[in-house]
Amino acid sequence: WFVVRNTALVLGRIGGERACALLESAVRHGEEAVRREAVTALSRLDGPESSRILRKGVFDPSPLLRLKAVRALAVRADAESREAIAARVLAPAFRRLPEPEQAEWLSALARAGGDAALPAFRTLIEPGFLRDWGARRRLALRAVAALGDASGPASRARLEELMRGRDPERRDEAERALARRRARDRRA
């Protein structure tokens, strides 16, 4: 396994389409260290082929590798990656993920999609998405917080709209998200 891991590391530095083809099998390797190096290598490579393989990495059994893959996809911000992240976030299995992992996924969706991710966020924030009221509320608040990581005028307008709403927790979360967004915009 360590030879395959080291090969993945070298392939990530070499790059190119052939490297992607060889890394695809490493993403499915039985040893987590090999998969971790393959995801790291793919995150260094540009292009649709590396993004396609990284999208497979978001289903890894290891939470750390799933997050590594989703973070790499968020940086790419291509439509296929955004749709893959949104599909995962809206899937019933997403509710069973630990809350910190949910927050990471939601932030990745916001960064990858910007205003294009707004329909997914509306679904998560609006009442009726989940049957369990407590879980729905916590997930909606995490979605409002993550919306602060999105770029674009429509996501800003949605946060401002949430700040004028009747729900005090959503108002507070939207206010914090907008403050983070303004600070990020000033740094950029």
Foldseek 3Di string as FASTA:
>chain_A
DVVLQVLLQVLLVVEDPVSLVSLLVQCVDPDPSSVQSSLVSLLSYDDDSSLVSLLVQLPDPDLVSVLSSLQSLLVVLDPVSLVSLLVCLLDPCVLVDPPVSNLSSLLSNQSSHAVNSVVSLCLLQDPDSDPPPVSSVSSNLSNLLSLLSHDDDVSLVVLVVQLPDDDPSSVVSSVVSVVVNVVVVVVD
